[in-house]
Protein backbone atom coordinates (compact mmCIF):
# COMPACT_ATOMS: atom_id res chain seq x y z
CA UNK A 1 -11.33 18.85 -16.05
CA UNK A 2 -9.66 20.17 -19.42
CA UNK A 3 -8.97 17.21 -21.60
CA UNK A 4 -5.17 16.59 -22.77
CA UNK A 5 -5.95 17.10 -26.29
CA UNK A 6 -5.05 20.87 -25.78
CA UNK A 7 -1.43 20.54 -26.90
CA UNK A 8 -0.68 24.16 -28.59
CA UNK A 9 -3.22 25.57 -26.22
CA UNK A 10 -0.47 28.12 -25.53
CA UNK A 11 0.59 29.35 -29.31
CA UNK A 12 -3.44 28.70 -29.63
CA UNK A 13 -3.25 32.36 -26.56
CA UNK A 14 -0.36 34.12 -28.28
CA UNK A 15 -2.41 34.26 -31.16
CA UNK A 16 -5.82 34.52 -30.35
CA UNK A 17 -6.18 35.36 -26.68
CA UNK A 18 -7.95 35.31 -23.27
CA UNK A 19 -10.27 33.60 -26.78
CA UNK A 20 -8.61 30.20 -27.19
CA UNK A 21 -9.28 30.04 -23.33
CA UNK A 22 -13.24 29.96 -24.73
CA UNK A 23 -12.41 27.02 -26.16
CA UNK A 24 -12.02 25.32 -23.05
CA UNK A 25 -16.07 24.54 -21.64
CA UNK A 26 -16.76 23.59 -25.77
CA UNK A 27 -14.95 20.22 -25.64
CA UNK A 28 -16.64 18.24 -23.21
CA UNK A 29 -20.37 20.17 -24.31
CA UNK A 30 -23.12 18.57 -26.64
CA UNK A 31 -26.75 19.31 -27.95
CA UNK A 32 -29.10 19.43 -24.99
CA UNK A 33 -32.34 19.47 -27.51
CA UNK A 34 -31.08 16.70 -29.63
CA UNK A 35 -28.75 14.65 -26.31
CA UNK A 36 -32.68 14.29 -24.51
CA UNK A 37 -34.36 13.17 -27.36
CA UNK A 38 -31.99 10.24 -28.18
CA UNK A 39 -32.08 9.58 -24.88
CA UNK A 40 -35.89 9.92 -24.31
CA UNK A 41 -36.13 7.02 -27.52
CA UNK A 42 -33.71 3.91 -25.47
CA UNK A 43 -36.54 1.86 -25.09
CA UNK A 44 -38.94 3.00 -28.88
CA UNK A 45 -38.15 -0.20 -30.77
CA UNK A 46 -35.55 0.77 -33.85
CA UNK A 47 -38.94 -0.29 -36.17
CA UNK A 48 -41.33 1.99 -33.98
CA UNK A 49 -38.22 3.85 -33.64
CA UNK A 50 -37.79 5.03 -37.18
CA UNK A 51 -41.48 5.40 -39.07
CA UNK A 52 -41.94 8.13 -35.56
CA UNK A 53 -38.95 10.35 -36.81
CA UNK A 54 -39.64 9.84 -40.32
CA UNK A 55 -42.74 11.67 -40.07
CA UNK A 56 -41.28 14.05 -37.13
CA UNK A 57 -38.55 15.42 -39.68
CA UNK A 58 -41.60 14.92 -42.70
CA UNK A 59 -43.18 17.57 -40.02
CA UNK A 60 -46.04 15.05 -39.73
CA UNK A 61 -47.82 14.07 -36.58
CA UNK A 62 -47.72 11.75 -35.01
CA UNK A 63 -50.46 10.84 -31.97
CA UNK A 64 -47.77 10.50 -29.26
CA UNK A 65 -44.59 11.34 -28.69
CA UNK A 66 -42.29 11.56 -26.18
CA UNK A 67 -41.77 15.68 -24.79
CA UNK A 68 -38.34 16.19 -25.75
CA UNK A 69 -38.39 15.12 -29.16
CA UNK A 70 -41.15 17.38 -30.03
CA UNK A 71 -38.64 20.09 -28.07
CA UNK A 72 -36.20 18.89 -30.72
CA UNK A 73 -38.62 19.07 -32.96
CA UNK A 74 -39.99 22.19 -32.56
CA UNK A 75 -36.56 24.17 -32.08
CA UNK A 76 -35.47 22.73 -35.54
CA UNK A 77 -38.81 24.95 -36.84
CA UNK A 78 -37.21 28.08 -34.60
CA UNK A 79 -35.60 29.37 -37.88
CA UNK A 80 -33.11 32.13 -36.47
CA UNK A 81 -33.60 36.25 -37.72
CA UNK A 82 -30.40 35.49 -40.49
CA UNK A 83 -31.19 32.28 -41.98
CA UNK A 84 -31.16 33.14 -45.89
CA UNK A 85 -33.12 30.40 -47.72
CA UNK A 86 -32.10 31.73 -51.28
CA UNK A 87 -28.86 32.65 -50.75
CA UNK A 88 -27.96 28.87 -49.14
CA UNK A 89 -28.61 28.30 -52.96
CA UNK A 90 -27.36 30.47 -54.43
CA UNK A 91 -24.01 28.49 -52.03
CA UNK A 92 -25.44 25.32 -52.39
CA UNK A 93 -25.13 26.23 -56.79
CA UNK A 94 -21.44 27.14 -56.42
CA UNK A 95 -20.69 23.86 -55.45
CA UNK A 96 -22.82 22.58 -57.91
CA UNK A 97 -20.99 23.82 -60.72
CA UNK A 98 -17.33 21.91 -59.58
CA UNK A 99 -18.60 19.12 -60.32
CA UNK A 100 -16.22 16.22 -60.33
CA UNK A 101 -14.05 18.08 -58.69
CA UNK A 102 -15.90 19.48 -55.71
CA UNK A 103 -16.43 15.32 -55.23
CA UNK A 104 -13.05 14.84 -55.55
CA UNK A 105 -12.00 18.00 -52.57
CA UNK A 106 -14.86 16.25 -50.44
CA UNK A 107 -13.03 13.31 -50.77
CA UNK A 108 -9.55 13.69 -50.58
CA UNK A 109 -9.43 16.21 -48.34
CA UNK A 110 -12.22 17.23 -46.37
CA UNK A 111 -13.13 12.91 -45.03
CA UNK A 112 -9.11 13.35 -44.97
CA UNK A 113 -8.67 15.95 -42.86
CA UNK A 114 -11.44 14.61 -40.20
CA UNK A 115 -9.67 11.64 -39.71
CA UNK A 116 -6.60 13.43 -39.17
CA UNK A 117 -8.12 14.50 -36.16
CA UNK A 118 -7.72 12.30 -33.12
CA UNK A 119 -9.95 13.05 -30.91
CA UNK A 120 -12.22 13.61 -33.13
CA UNK A 121 -11.76 10.67 -35.76
CA UNK A 122 -12.30 8.11 -31.93
CA UNK A 123 -16.58 8.30 -32.15
CA UNK A 124 -15.85 7.04 -36.20
CA UNK A 125 -13.67 3.97 -34.48
CA UNK A 126 -16.11 2.73 -32.47
CA UNK A 127 -18.34 2.33 -34.90
CA UNK A 128 -16.62 -0.74 -36.07
CA UNK A 129 -16.24 1.14 -39.67
CA UNK A 130 -12.53 1.69 -39.32
CA UNK A 131 -11.58 -0.95 -41.93
CA UNK A 132 -14.49 -1.91 -43.93
CA UNK A 133 -17.06 -0.50 -45.16
CA UNK A 134 -14.99 2.49 -46.34
CA UNK A 135 -16.73 3.50 -49.85
CA UNK A 136 -19.84 3.33 -48.56
CA UNK A 137 -18.91 6.07 -45.70
CA UNK A 138 -18.02 8.44 -48.60
CA UNK A 139 -21.36 7.63 -50.44
CA UNK A 140 -23.26 8.32 -48.05
CA UNK A 141 -21.06 10.90 -46.82
CA UNK A 142 -22.33 11.79 -50.03
CA UNK A 143 -26.00 11.93 -50.65
CA UNK A 144 -26.15 13.47 -47.01
CA UNK A 145 -23.78 17.36 -48.77
CA UNK A 146 -25.99 16.53 -51.61
CA UNK A 147 -29.38 17.14 -49.85
CA UNK A 148 -28.09 20.62 -48.47
CA UNK A 149 -26.76 21.68 -51.90
CA UNK A 150 -30.20 21.53 -53.32
CA UNK A 151 -32.05 24.00 -53.96
CA UNK A 152 -34.52 25.33 -51.11
CA UNK A 153 -32.90 21.50 -49.11
CA UNK A 154 -32.46 22.87 -45.66
CA UNK A 155 -35.87 24.51 -45.96
CA UNK A 156 -38.48 22.50 -43.15
CA UNK A 157 -38.97 19.22 -44.78
CA UNK A 158 -36.97 18.95 -48.26
CA UNK A 159 -34.67 16.45 -48.12
CA UNK A 160 -31.37 18.35 -46.23
CA UNK A 161 -33.67 19.71 -43.51
CA UNK A 162 -34.18 16.17 -43.38
CA UNK A 163 -30.57 14.48 -43.63
CA UNK A 164 -29.15 17.48 -41.51
CA UNK A 165 -31.17 16.18 -38.68
CA UNK A 166 -31.24 13.03 -38.76
CA UNK A 167 -27.52 12.87 -38.97
CA UNK A 168 -27.58 15.51 -36.07
CA UNK A 169 -29.89 12.57 -34.27
CA UNK A 170 -27.02 10.00 -35.38
CA UNK A 171 -24.50 11.78 -33.20
CA UNK A 172 -26.42 12.77 -30.06
CA UNK A 173 -27.29 8.54 -30.51
CA UNK A 174 -22.83 7.94 -30.73
CA UNK A 175 -22.67 10.64 -27.76
CA UNK A 176 -25.17 8.75 -25.65
CA UNK A 177 -23.51 4.54 -26.17
CA UNK A 178 -19.92 6.32 -25.87
CA UNK A 179 -20.24 8.34 -22.13
CA UNK A 180 -21.75 4.68 -21.49
CA UNK A 181 -18.71 2.48 -23.12
CA UNK A 182 -15.86 2.70 -20.62
CA UNK A 183 -13.98 2.61 -22.84
CA UNK A 184 -14.63 5.99 -23.68
CA UNK A 185 -10.89 8.47 -22.49
CA UNK A 186 -12.90 11.46 -21.58
CA UNK A 187 -9.83 13.32 -20.33
CA UNK A 188 -7.70 12.29 -23.26
CA UNK A 189 -10.52 13.36 -25.96
CA UNK A 190 -13.40 15.66 -24.34
CA UNK A 191 -16.88 14.91 -25.03
CA UNK A 192 -17.38 12.52 -28.47
CA UNK A 193 -18.76 14.89 -31.33
CA UNK A 194 -18.47 17.97 -29.37
CA UNK A 195 -19.56 21.11 -29.71
CA UNK A 196 -15.40 22.45 -30.72
CA UNK A 197 -16.02 19.18 -33.58
CA UNK A 198 -18.89 19.69 -34.42
CA UNK A 199 -17.99 23.54 -36.02
CA UNK A 200 -14.96 21.54 -37.20
CA UNK A 201 -17.50 19.54 -39.28
CA UNK A 202 -18.62 22.30 -40.64
CA UNK A 203 -15.95 23.87 -41.74
CA UNK A 204 -14.43 20.79 -43.30
CA UNK A 205 -17.74 20.82 -45.64
CA UNK A 206 -16.99 24.98 -46.04
CA UNK A 207 -14.05 26.55 -45.83
CA UNK A 208 -11.87 23.85 -46.15
CA UNK A 209 -13.66 22.93 -49.56
CA UNK A 210 -13.01 26.24 -50.72
CA UNK A 211 -9.60 26.46 -50.42
CA UNK A 212 -9.02 22.07 -52.48
CA UNK A 213 -11.15 23.81 -54.93
CA UNK A 214 -9.23 27.05 -55.10
CA UNK A 215 -6.46 24.42 -55.56
CA UNK A 216 -7.80 22.90 -58.37
CA UNK A 217 -7.56 26.53 -60.20
CA UNK A 218 -11.37 27.19 -59.04
CA UNK A 219 -11.71 30.82 -58.79
CA UNK A 220 -14.27 31.94 -56.73
CA UNK A 221 -15.36 36.02 -55.77
CA UNK A 222 -16.28 37.37 -53.00
CA UNK A 223 -19.64 36.92 -52.62
CA UNK A 224 -20.27 33.44 -54.04
CA UNK A 225 -17.16 32.60 -51.02
CA UNK A 226 -19.67 34.40 -48.85
CA UNK A 227 -23.32 31.92 -50.17
CA UNK A 228 -21.47 29.37 -49.26
CA UNK A 229 -20.43 29.60 -46.06
CA UNK A 230 -23.94 30.91 -45.49
CA UNK A 231 -25.24 27.06 -46.94
CA UNK A 232 -22.63 26.17 -44.47
CA UNK A 233 -23.69 28.22 -41.26
CA UNK A 234 -27.47 27.00 -41.63
CA UNK A 235 -26.32 23.64 -42.50
CA UNK A 236 -24.22 24.25 -38.67
CA UNK A 237 -27.55 25.64 -37.17
CA UNK A 238 -29.75 22.66 -37.79
CA UNK A 239 -26.62 20.18 -36.86
CA UNK A 240 -26.91 21.31 -33.56
CA UNK A 241 -23.82 23.70 -33.21
CA UNK A 242 -23.74 26.69 -31.07
CA UNK A 243 -24.36 29.87 -33.35
CA UNK A 244 -21.54 31.78 -32.28
CA UNK A 245 -18.61 28.85 -33.50
CA UNK A 246 -20.35 29.45 -37.56
CA UNK A 247 -18.52 32.50 -38.79
CA UNK A 248 -20.22 34.18 -41.32
CA UNK A 249 -17.54 35.96 -43.41
CA UNK A 250 -14.05 34.06 -44.68
CA UNK A 251 -11.88 35.53 -42.07
CA UNK A 252 -14.44 33.82 -39.93
CA UNK A 253 -14.24 30.82 -40.60
CA UNK A 254 -10.60 30.85 -41.30
CA UNK A 255 -9.77 32.58 -37.40
CA UNK A 256 -12.37 29.41 -36.45
CA UNK A 257 -10.36 26.93 -38.28
CA UNK A 258 -6.95 27.45 -37.13
CA UNK A 259 -8.32 27.72 -33.55
CA UNK A 260 -9.45 25.01 -33.93
CA UNK A 261 -6.68 22.92 -35.28
CA UNK A 262 -4.77 24.14 -32.43
CA UNK A 263 -7.01 21.74 -30.67
CA UNK A 264 -5.67 18.39 -32.52
CA UNK A 265 -2.57 16.13 -31.98
CA UNK A 266 -1.09 15.13 -34.58
CA UNK A 267 -2.96 12.02 -37.00
CA UNK A 268 -2.72 9.01 -35.28
CA UNK A 269 -2.52 5.13 -35.59
CA UNK A 270 -6.23 5.31 -36.49
CA UNK A 271 -5.57 8.38 -38.56
CA UNK A 272 -3.91 6.18 -41.31
CA UNK A 273 -6.35 3.13 -40.43
CA UNK A 274 -9.82 5.17 -41.70
CA UNK A 275 -7.29 7.06 -44.34
CA UNK A 276 -5.30 4.15 -45.92
CA UNK A 277 -9.11 2.33 -45.41
CA UNK A 278 -10.93 4.52 -47.66
CA UNK A 279 -8.33 5.16 -50.87
CA UNK A 280 -7.30 1.20 -50.73
CA UNK A 281 -11.35 0.89 -50.30
CA UNK A 282 -11.34 -0.18 -54.78
CA UNK A 283 -8.64 -2.00 -54.23
CA UNK A 284 -10.06 -4.34 -51.65
CA UNK A 285 -13.81 -3.95 -53.04
CA UNK A 286 -12.37 -5.51 -56.37
CA UNK A 287 -13.52 -8.81 -57.23
CA UNK A 288 -12.39 -9.64 -60.79
CA UNK A 289 -9.30 -9.90 -62.42
CA UNK A 290 -10.99 -6.41 -63.88
CA UNK A 291 -11.48 -4.42 -61.57
CA UNK A 292 -8.42 -5.29 -59.52
CA UNK A 293 -6.97 -4.25 -62.48
CA UNK A 294 -8.63 -0.72 -62.90
CA UNK A 295 -8.60 -0.38 -59.14
CA UNK A 296 -4.08 -0.47 -59.02
CA UNK A 297 -4.96 2.96 -61.29
CA UNK A 298 -7.40 4.33 -59.59
CA UNK A 299 -5.77 4.22 -55.93
CA UNK A 300 -2.68 5.87 -56.64
CA UNK A 301 -4.38 8.17 -59.00
CA UNK A 302 -5.87 8.87 -55.49
CA UNK A 303 -3.19 9.12 -52.91
CA UNK A 304 -2.20 11.46 -56.11
CA UNK A 305 -5.20 13.68 -55.38
CA UNK A 306 -4.64 13.12 -51.20
CA UNK A 307 -0.66 14.98 -52.09
CA UNK A 308 -1.97 17.46 -53.56
CA UNK A 309 -4.34 18.66 -51.97
CA UNK A 310 -2.94 18.25 -48.69
CA UNK A 311 -0.18 19.36 -47.24
CA UNK A 312 2.67 17.38 -46.93
CA UNK A 313 2.60 16.96 -43.10
CA UNK A 314 -0.33 15.79 -43.23
CA UNK A 315 0.02 13.73 -46.41
CA UNK A 316 3.62 12.50 -44.40
CA UNK A 317 2.02 11.43 -41.48
CA UNK A 318 -0.98 9.84 -43.25
CA UNK A 319 1.13 7.55 -45.55
CA UNK A 320 -0.25 9.05 -48.45
CA UNK A 321 2.38 7.35 -51.63
CA UNK A 322 4.55 9.81 -53.98
CA UNK A 323 3.74 8.53 -57.17
CA UNK A 324 4.33 9.99 -60.60
CA UNK A 325 0.08 11.58 -59.33
CA UNK A 326 1.50 14.05 -57.63
CA UNK A 327 3.22 15.38 -60.62
CA UNK A 328 0.59 15.20 -63.59
CA UNK A 329 -2.37 16.20 -60.82
CA UNK A 330 -1.67 19.95 -60.88
CA UNK A 331 -1.44 20.44 -64.49
CA UNK A 332 -5.19 19.71 -63.77
CA UNK A 333 -4.92 23.35 -62.19
CA UNK A 334 -4.41 25.12 -65.40
CA UNK A 335 -7.15 23.28 -67.78
CA UNK A 336 -9.21 24.29 -64.76
CA UNK A 337 -8.49 27.38 -64.91
CA UNK A 338 -8.67 28.27 -68.93
CA UNK A 339 -11.55 26.63 -68.85
CA UNK A 340 -13.39 27.92 -66.56
CA UNK A 341 -12.95 31.10 -68.21
CA UNK A 342 -13.35 30.28 -71.59
CA UNK A 343 -17.16 28.84 -70.51
CA UNK A 344 -17.63 32.40 -68.19
CA UNK A 345 -17.60 34.00 -71.58
CA UNK A 346 -20.41 31.59 -72.89
CA UNK A 347 -24.75 32.25 -73.11
CA UNK A 348 -26.14 29.92 -70.33
CA UNK A 349 -22.42 28.63 -68.74
CA UNK A 350 -23.35 28.65 -64.92
CA UNK A 351 -27.36 26.83 -65.98
CA UNK A 352 -25.48 23.86 -68.16
CA UNK A 353 -22.45 23.04 -65.19
CA UNK A 354 -25.13 23.24 -62.81
CA UNK A 355 -26.92 20.76 -64.54
CA UNK A 356 -23.89 19.40 -65.24
CA UNK A 357 -22.77 19.38 -61.27
CA UNK A 358 -26.67 18.01 -60.23
CA UNK A 359 -25.82 14.88 -62.78
CA UNK A 360 -22.85 14.39 -61.79
CA UNK A 361 -23.81 13.65 -57.86
CA UNK A 362 -26.53 11.79 -58.38
CA UNK A 363 -25.08 9.61 -60.05
CA UNK A 364 -22.16 8.98 -58.01
CA UNK A 365 -24.15 9.38 -55.01
CA UNK A 366 -26.32 6.32 -56.59
CA UNK A 367 -23.79 4.34 -57.85
CA UNK A 368 -21.77 4.27 -54.64
CA UNK A 369 -24.71 3.00 -52.08
CA UNK A 370 -25.53 0.33 -54.38
CA UNK A 371 -29.32 0.88 -54.66
CA UNK A 372 -28.90 0.98 -50.71
CA UNK A 373 -29.94 4.80 -50.08
CA UNK A 374 -28.78 6.48 -46.62
CA UNK A 375 -30.72 6.37 -44.42
CA UNK A 376 -29.35 8.66 -40.97
CA UNK A 377 -30.51 5.39 -38.65
CA UNK A 378 -29.27 5.43 -34.91
CA UNK A 379 -27.30 3.19 -34.07
CA UNK A 380 -28.62 0.58 -31.40
CA UNK A 381 -24.36 0.08 -30.24
CA UNK A 382 -21.12 0.62 -30.00
CA UNK A 383 -17.61 -1.36 -30.63
CA UNK A 384 -16.55 -1.57 -26.96
CA UNK A 385 -12.66 -1.02 -28.14
CA UNK A 386 -11.53 1.19 -31.41
CA UNK A 387 -10.56 -0.48 -34.17
CA UNK A 388 -12.66 -4.08 -33.48
């Protein structure tokens, strides 16, 4: 059964030939190792399950674990020959050095573009967090990204490794629950969190991030872009994405991104609600009058940033406001470019920018999570209907 979401398959065939047809099975393909692991944990009480996962992913050895979970862990430890941890660390450092601009691109470009997929956004809609906890969602994603960026963060047992493995199992649990839901429309959306959507998510954090930072005026060498892609190629493998969907060069990543976009329809009402819930979250979460006053300015700035970082077609479809910030924000490009040239001449500039970036991410994530760290725990239920 071919999902109806392939609205532009003829265009994809015209540009990519037979490669486009190879996309079809990927829309109905999940992650067998993770899917089997969460199925085996289905009857384990939540507290016992969390204790078991904590020990397994920190590479401790529980007395007894399901065979499927052991196979999942062993799969994580069979590191492909191409994985180069020092190179991945260099990629993380490239992104950390962008500091607050990296956070802005993550929030107002990468995550928003992820919401634009009418099929890809449905698992989040079914989670019941469409309108609520938008800021919390961004902060949890920030914690995941921060742990991946850290030097050696993806080595077995390290924070990025653990967070990525937990996100992978969380995806598998959501997939399992949605498959059992009578409301999931496989013919329209394909399999929940399928291989193609997972590959698209990896590109949102890598290629799409780089492109967004370029809009701010950042200049990256080919080696730096290659290192960023390698960081997320390694992360994608840990997330359970097939290796043939993990581009090793910018050209490969861009071709795959263009192909994936041709499997998407236009942003739908859920896309708009997700995007606007995130943009409006400072206003909805403000408590005091002072906070409400500040929130108005923050919301307006967010809309301006989105206008700057997205194509107009997406911004219009999402209902992003056209306000004065869309004229002010582009001026940052010149500022960033000039500052980059000046800082590049200073001794130890890379180290200073890296330290500043580390402090920014630590502070931003800690404040956003409000001392309630992201656990990436397996959910026990999904909502019966989208948006409810």
